[in-house]
N, C-alpha and C. Protein backbone atom coordinates (compact mmCIF):
# COMPACT_ATOMS: atom_id res chain seq x y z
N MET A 1 41.24 68.17 110.81
CA MET A 1 41.30 69.68 111.39
C MET A 1 40.18 70.30 111.73
N ASN A 2 39.58 70.71 112.72
CA ASN A 2 37.93 70.93 112.75
C ASN A 2 38.58 73.14 112.27
N ALA A 3 37.59 74.00 112.39
CA ALA A 3 37.34 74.90 111.68
C ALA A 3 38.24 76.24 112.41
N THR A 4 37.86 76.04 113.73
CA THR A 4 38.90 76.58 114.83
C THR A 4 40.65 76.89 114.27
N LYS A 5 40.40 75.86 114.39
CA LYS A 5 42.37 75.21 114.48
C LYS A 5 42.73 75.59 113.03
N TRP A 6 42.16 75.33 112.16
CA TRP A 6 42.27 75.80 110.77
C TRP A 6 42.69 77.00 110.39
N THR A 7 41.73 77.86 111.42
CA THR A 7 41.39 79.70 111.20
C THR A 7 42.35 79.78 112.12
N VAL A 8 42.91 79.33 113.19
CA VAL A 8 44.13 79.86 114.28
C VAL A 8 45.51 79.60 113.07
N ALA A 9 45.91 78.52 112.63
CA ALA A 9 46.92 77.98 111.69
C ALA A 9 46.95 79.06 111.03
N VAL A 10 45.76 79.62 110.00
CA VAL A 10 45.86 80.47 108.82
C VAL A 10 46.45 82.14 109.50
N VAL A 11 45.68 82.47 110.68
CA VAL A 11 46.08 83.46 111.04
C VAL A 11 47.71 83.35 111.70
N LEU A 12 47.98 82.60 111.79
CA LEU A 12 49.45 82.71 112.46
C LEU A 12 50.49 82.70 111.34
N ILE A 13 50.20 81.98 110.70
CA ILE A 13 51.24 81.81 109.41
C ILE A 13 51.12 83.47 108.75
N ALA A 14 50.01 83.93 108.35
CA ALA A 14 49.75 85.34 108.18
C ALA A 14 50.24 86.20 109.05
N VAL A 15 50.64 86.29 110.16
CA VAL A 15 51.20 87.01 111.08
C VAL A 15 52.88 86.58 110.88
N VAL A 16 53.35 85.21 110.98
CA VAL A 16 54.56 85.40 110.56
C VAL A 16 54.91 85.83 109.27
N ALA A 17 54.29 86.02 108.60
CA ALA A 17 54.64 86.15 107.11
C ALA A 17 55.11 87.90 106.94
N VAL A 18 53.90 88.42 107.68
CA VAL A 18 54.00 89.90 107.80
C VAL A 18 55.08 90.37 108.48
N GLY A 19 55.64 89.53 109.94
CA GLY A 19 56.68 89.61 110.96
C GLY A 19 58.05 89.52 109.69
N PHE A 20 57.80 88.49 108.46
CA PHE A 20 59.30 88.59 107.98
C PHE A 20 59.40 89.64 106.71
N ALA A 21 58.35 90.07 106.52
CA ALA A 21 58.04 91.47 105.73
C ALA A 21 58.73 92.50 105.78
N ASP A 22 58.10 92.87 107.09
CA ASP A 22 58.69 93.91 107.98
C ASP A 22 60.07 93.66 108.44
N LEU A 23 60.46 92.89 108.72
CA LEU A 23 62.10 92.40 108.94
C LEU A 23 62.79 92.94 107.42
N ALA A 24 62.35 91.90 106.36
CA ALA A 24 62.99 92.59 104.97
C ALA A 24 63.09 94.32 104.65
N VAL A 25 61.83 95.15 104.71
CA VAL A 25 61.70 96.15 104.39
C VAL A 25 62.54 96.99 105.70
N ALA A 26 62.67 96.81 106.93
CA ALA A 26 63.70 97.44 108.01
C ALA A 26 65.21 97.21 107.47
N GLY A 27 65.21 96.22 106.69
CA GLY A 27 66.81 95.89 106.85
C GLY A 27 67.50 96.79 105.60
N LYS A 28 66.32 97.70 104.79
CA LYS A 28 66.87 98.17 103.24
C LYS A 28 66.96 99.65 104.38
N LYS A 29 67.75 100.57 104.40
CA LYS A 29 68.00 101.32 104.73
C LYS A 29 67.83 102.71 103.91
N LYS A 30 66.28 103.35 104.04
CA LYS A 30 66.16 104.07 103.14
C LYS A 30 66.85 105.74 103.03
N VAL A 31 67.60 105.91 101.84
CA VAL A 31 68.54 107.13 102.13
C VAL A 31 67.98 108.29 101.33
N LYS A 32 68.18 109.18 102.12
CA LYS A 32 67.77 110.73 102.16
C LYS A 32 68.31 111.64 101.05
N GLY A 33 67.75 112.12 100.48
CA GLY A 33 68.46 113.50 99.52
C GLY A 33 69.66 114.03 100.19
N ASN A 34 69.54 114.44 101.42
CA ASN A 34 70.09 114.90 102.80
C ASN A 34 71.22 114.40 103.08
N ASP A 35 70.95 113.28 103.32
CA ASP A 35 72.56 112.36 103.40
C ASP A 35 73.43 112.23 102.22
N LEU A 36 72.63 111.92 101.01
CA LEU A 36 73.59 111.90 99.97
C LEU A 36 74.48 113.39 99.82
N TYR A 37 73.56 114.26 100.27
CA TYR A 37 74.34 115.94 99.90
C TYR A 37 75.42 115.74 100.82
N LYS A 38 75.57 115.38 102.23
CA LYS A 38 76.56 115.51 103.15
C LYS A 38 77.48 114.73 102.56
N GLU A 39 77.32 113.43 102.01
CA GLU A 39 78.24 112.49 101.92
C GLU A 39 79.16 112.85 100.51
N PHE A 40 78.04 113.11 99.34
CA PHE A 40 78.83 113.25 98.16
C PHE A 40 78.95 114.82 97.77
N CYS A 41 78.44 115.92 98.19
CA CYS A 41 78.69 117.23 97.57
C CYS A 41 79.02 118.26 98.46
N LYS A 42 78.59 117.83 99.74
CA LYS A 42 79.24 118.87 100.71
C LYS A 42 80.92 119.02 100.62
N PRO A 43 81.48 117.35 100.68
CA PRO A 43 82.70 117.79 100.51
C PRO A 43 83.63 118.91 100.05
N CYS A 44 82.96 119.00 98.75
CA CYS A 44 83.32 120.10 97.78
C CYS A 44 82.88 121.25 97.73
N HIS A 45 81.57 121.44 98.40
CA HIS A 45 80.78 122.73 97.93
C HIS A 45 80.23 123.13 99.46
N ALA A 46 81.49 123.07 100.11
CA ALA A 46 80.71 123.70 101.42
C ALA A 46 81.45 125.33 101.63
N GLU A 47 80.95 126.04 102.72
CA GLU A 47 81.02 127.39 102.71
C GLU A 47 82.74 127.66 102.84
N GLY A 48 82.95 128.73 101.64
CA GLY A 48 84.80 129.06 101.83
C GLY A 48 85.18 127.95 100.91
N SER A 49 84.89 126.80 99.85
CA SER A 49 85.78 125.95 99.72
C SER A 49 85.79 126.64 98.19
N GLU A 50 87.13 126.16 97.80
CA GLU A 50 87.48 126.70 96.19
C GLU A 50 86.40 126.21 95.34
N ASN A 51 85.17 125.37 95.40
CA ASN A 51 84.54 125.37 94.17
C ASN A 51 82.99 125.94 94.38
N GLU A 52 83.02 126.72 95.35
CA GLU A 52 81.57 127.33 95.62
C GLU A 52 81.05 126.32 96.46
N GLU A 53 80.27 127.33 97.53
CA GLU A 53 79.43 126.85 98.38
C GLU A 53 78.23 126.51 97.28
N TYR A 54 77.53 125.31 97.49
CA TYR A 54 76.33 125.05 96.98
C TYR A 54 75.10 124.31 97.82
N THR A 55 74.64 124.59 98.42
CA THR A 55 73.05 124.06 98.80
C THR A 55 72.14 123.99 97.90
N PRO A 56 70.75 123.52 98.41
CA PRO A 56 69.51 123.50 97.61
C PRO A 56 69.03 124.81 97.20
N MET A 57 69.47 125.79 98.25
CA MET A 57 68.68 127.60 98.40
C MET A 57 69.72 127.94 97.15
N THR A 58 70.79 127.54 96.40
CA THR A 58 71.76 128.52 95.93
C THR A 58 71.02 128.48 94.64
N LEU A 59 70.31 127.52 94.21
CA LEU A 59 69.52 127.94 93.08
C LEU A 59 68.08 127.41 92.98
N ILE A 60 67.57 128.02 92.00
CA ILE A 60 65.91 127.71 92.06
C ILE A 60 65.50 126.63 91.35
N GLN A 61 64.45 125.73 91.49
CA GLN A 61 63.74 124.40 90.89
C GLN A 61 64.57 124.57 89.36
N ASP A 62 64.17 125.28 88.56
CA ASP A 62 64.70 125.20 87.14
C ASP A 62 66.16 125.08 86.96
N GLN A 63 67.05 125.39 87.79
CA GLN A 63 68.28 125.54 87.73
C GLN A 63 68.81 124.21 88.24
N TRP A 64 68.21 123.78 89.15
CA TRP A 64 68.64 122.73 89.22
C TRP A 64 67.85 121.27 88.40
N GLU A 65 67.19 121.68 87.71
CA GLU A 65 66.27 120.61 87.20
C GLU A 65 67.25 120.79 85.61
N ARG A 66 68.03 121.56 85.50
CA ARG A 66 69.25 121.78 83.87
C ARG A 66 70.06 121.53 84.30
N PHE A 67 70.68 121.61 85.63
CA PHE A 67 72.04 121.24 86.23
C PHE A 67 72.06 119.72 86.38
N PHE A 68 71.14 118.94 86.83
CA PHE A 68 71.65 117.50 86.81
C PHE A 68 70.97 116.90 85.34
N ASP A 69 70.45 117.79 84.53
CA ASP A 69 69.77 117.23 83.23
C ASP A 69 70.96 117.11 82.16
N GLU A 70 71.71 118.15 82.52
CA GLU A 70 72.46 118.85 81.21
C GLU A 70 74.11 119.30 81.55
N LYS A 71 73.73 119.39 82.90
CA LYS A 71 75.47 119.79 83.14
C LYS A 71 76.00 119.02 83.95
N TYR A 72 75.31 118.20 85.16
CA TYR A 72 76.06 117.00 85.61
C TYR A 72 77.23 116.43 85.37
N GLU A 73 76.99 115.45 84.62
CA GLU A 73 78.06 114.86 83.44
C GLU A 73 79.28 115.82 83.42
N ALA A 74 79.01 117.06 82.61
CA ALA A 74 80.22 117.19 81.63
C ALA A 74 80.82 118.18 83.03
N THR A 75 80.13 119.01 83.90
CA THR A 75 81.20 119.57 85.29
C THR A 75 81.61 118.27 86.46
N HIS A 76 81.28 117.17 86.25
CA HIS A 76 81.73 116.11 87.32
C HIS A 76 82.20 115.38 86.94
N SER A 77 82.31 114.60 85.71
CA SER A 77 83.10 113.33 85.18
C SER A 77 84.85 113.44 85.61
N THR A 78 85.06 114.38 85.46
CA THR A 78 86.71 114.69 85.91
C THR A 78 86.88 114.80 86.97
N VAL A 79 85.88 114.95 88.23
CA VAL A 79 85.97 115.19 89.78
C VAL A 79 86.29 113.82 90.37
N ASN A 80 87.57 113.96 91.05
CA ASN A 80 87.18 112.46 91.49
C ASN A 80 87.06 112.80 93.02
N ASP A 81 86.82 111.52 93.92
CA ASP A 81 85.73 111.64 94.91
C ASP A 81 86.92 111.19 96.40
N PRO A 82 88.03 111.68 96.80
CA PRO A 82 88.35 111.25 97.83
C PRO A 82 88.09 110.46 99.09
N ASN A 83 86.77 110.45 99.06
CA ASN A 83 86.00 109.42 100.30
C ASN A 83 85.72 108.20 99.42
N HIS A 84 85.53 108.43 98.62
CA HIS A 84 85.30 106.96 97.58
C HIS A 84 86.36 106.25 96.47
N GLY A 85 87.51 106.02 97.18
CA GLY A 85 88.63 105.26 96.30
C GLY A 85 89.27 106.22 95.59
N ASP A 86 88.84 107.60 95.27
CA ASP A 86 89.13 108.78 94.16
C ASP A 86 88.82 108.29 92.99
N LYS A 87 87.42 107.59 92.91
CA LYS A 87 87.06 107.30 91.69
C LYS A 87 86.16 108.35 91.36
N PRO A 88 85.68 108.49 89.96
CA PRO A 88 85.26 109.69 89.63
C PRO A 88 83.52 110.06 90.08
N VAL A 89 83.48 111.01 90.48
CA VAL A 89 82.14 111.38 90.96
C VAL A 89 80.64 110.45 90.47
N THR A 90 81.21 110.89 89.18
CA THR A 90 79.77 110.43 88.28
C THR A 90 79.67 108.60 88.03
N GLU A 91 80.60 107.94 88.33
CA GLU A 91 80.71 106.68 89.05
C GLU A 91 80.56 106.12 89.99
N VAL A 92 80.78 106.75 91.15
CA VAL A 92 80.62 106.74 93.10
C VAL A 92 79.01 106.83 92.99
N ILE A 93 78.25 107.81 92.68
CA ILE A 93 77.23 108.34 92.61
C ILE A 93 76.30 107.43 91.79
N THR A 94 75.51 106.31 92.08
CA THR A 94 74.44 105.24 91.62
C THR A 94 73.43 106.82 90.63
N ALA A 95 72.89 106.07 90.10
CA ALA A 95 71.86 106.58 88.99
C ALA A 95 70.73 106.98 89.88
N GLU A 96 69.98 105.77 90.53
CA GLU A 96 69.08 105.59 91.83
C GLU A 96 69.34 107.41 92.89
N ASP A 97 70.74 107.05 92.94
CA ASP A 97 71.18 108.35 94.41
C ASP A 97 71.26 109.67 93.76
N LEU A 98 71.92 109.54 92.35
CA LEU A 98 71.62 111.04 91.64
C LEU A 98 69.99 111.70 91.48
N GLU A 99 69.40 110.38 91.08
CA GLU A 99 67.86 111.10 91.12
C GLU A 99 67.50 111.46 92.70
N LYS A 100 67.50 110.81 93.60
CA LYS A 100 67.26 111.37 94.86
C LYS A 100 67.96 112.75 95.16
N LEU A 101 68.81 112.79 94.92
CA LEU A 101 69.90 113.94 95.37
C LEU A 101 69.01 115.18 93.91
N LYS A 102 68.74 114.68 92.93
CA LYS A 102 67.87 116.34 92.17
C LYS A 102 66.76 116.34 92.36
N ASP A 103 66.08 115.69 92.84
CA ASP A 103 64.74 115.18 93.58
C ASP A 103 64.69 116.48 94.91
N TRP A 104 65.77 115.88 95.77
CA TRP A 104 65.75 116.72 97.14
C TRP A 104 66.86 118.24 97.07
N THR A 105 67.20 118.61 96.00
CA THR A 105 67.75 119.72 95.60
C THR A 105 66.44 120.77 95.44
N ILE A 106 65.49 120.07 94.35
CA ILE A 106 64.41 120.55 93.48
C ILE A 106 63.31 120.98 94.96
N ASP A 107 63.45 120.10 95.56
CA ASP A 107 62.19 119.97 96.42
C ASP A 107 62.90 121.06 97.76
N HIS A 108 63.95 121.57 97.78
CA HIS A 108 63.99 122.54 98.83
C HIS A 108 64.80 123.34 98.31
N ALA A 109 64.94 123.88 96.72
CA ALA A 109 65.52 124.77 96.02
C ALA A 109 64.83 126.32 96.56
N ALA A 110 65.68 127.58 96.03
CA ALA A 110 65.31 128.87 96.89
C ALA A 110 64.32 128.88 96.39
N ASP A 111 63.53 128.65 95.69
CA ASP A 111 61.16 129.11 95.15
C ASP A 111 60.83 127.97 95.30
N SER A 112 61.35 127.14 96.56
CA SER A 112 60.78 125.72 96.54
C SER A 112 59.53 126.47 98.00
N GLU A 113 58.96 125.43 98.45
CA GLU A 113 57.85 125.78 99.31
C GLU A 113 58.32 125.20 100.64
N HIS A 114 59.57 124.66 100.55
CA HIS A 114 60.97 124.14 101.99
C HIS A 114 61.88 124.61 101.60
N PRO A 115 62.52 125.80 101.23
CA PRO A 115 63.62 125.93 100.94
C PRO A 115 64.74 125.32 101.97
N MET A 116 65.80 124.89 101.82
CA MET A 116 66.81 124.77 102.74
C MET A 116 67.82 124.74 102.61
N THR A 117 68.90 125.30 103.59
CA THR A 117 70.11 125.00 103.59
C THR A 117 70.59 123.44 104.14
N CYS A 118 72.00 123.35 103.63
CA CYS A 118 71.77 121.90 104.39
C CYS A 118 73.59 121.71 104.96
N GLY A 119 73.14 122.11 106.88
CA GLY A 119 74.17 122.50 107.94
C GLY A 119 74.80 121.02 107.90
């Protein structure tokens, strides 16, 4: 095989490999903290809720940090999620998703550069 054909073959293989890698990454949906909040938190913490309304702006960054590090487990281990088979919230929300929720609430807390409610 001459050099030109060899080069074309290598480039073609590289293009196909990159294409498959893009498909694999595209297949994994990136979940955002805002989406997790709407799915797991908002149903119980919407405006007028008996559990009080909580949005990222409800607390400052340090308070959110303390909540997730020290209070989440204790305050939510007996709360069942009717949207996920009535399992305890602490079992339904994965550690990875909880970390995303924590980061998102801290990033959009009342004292953050980008405070946010969650409509």
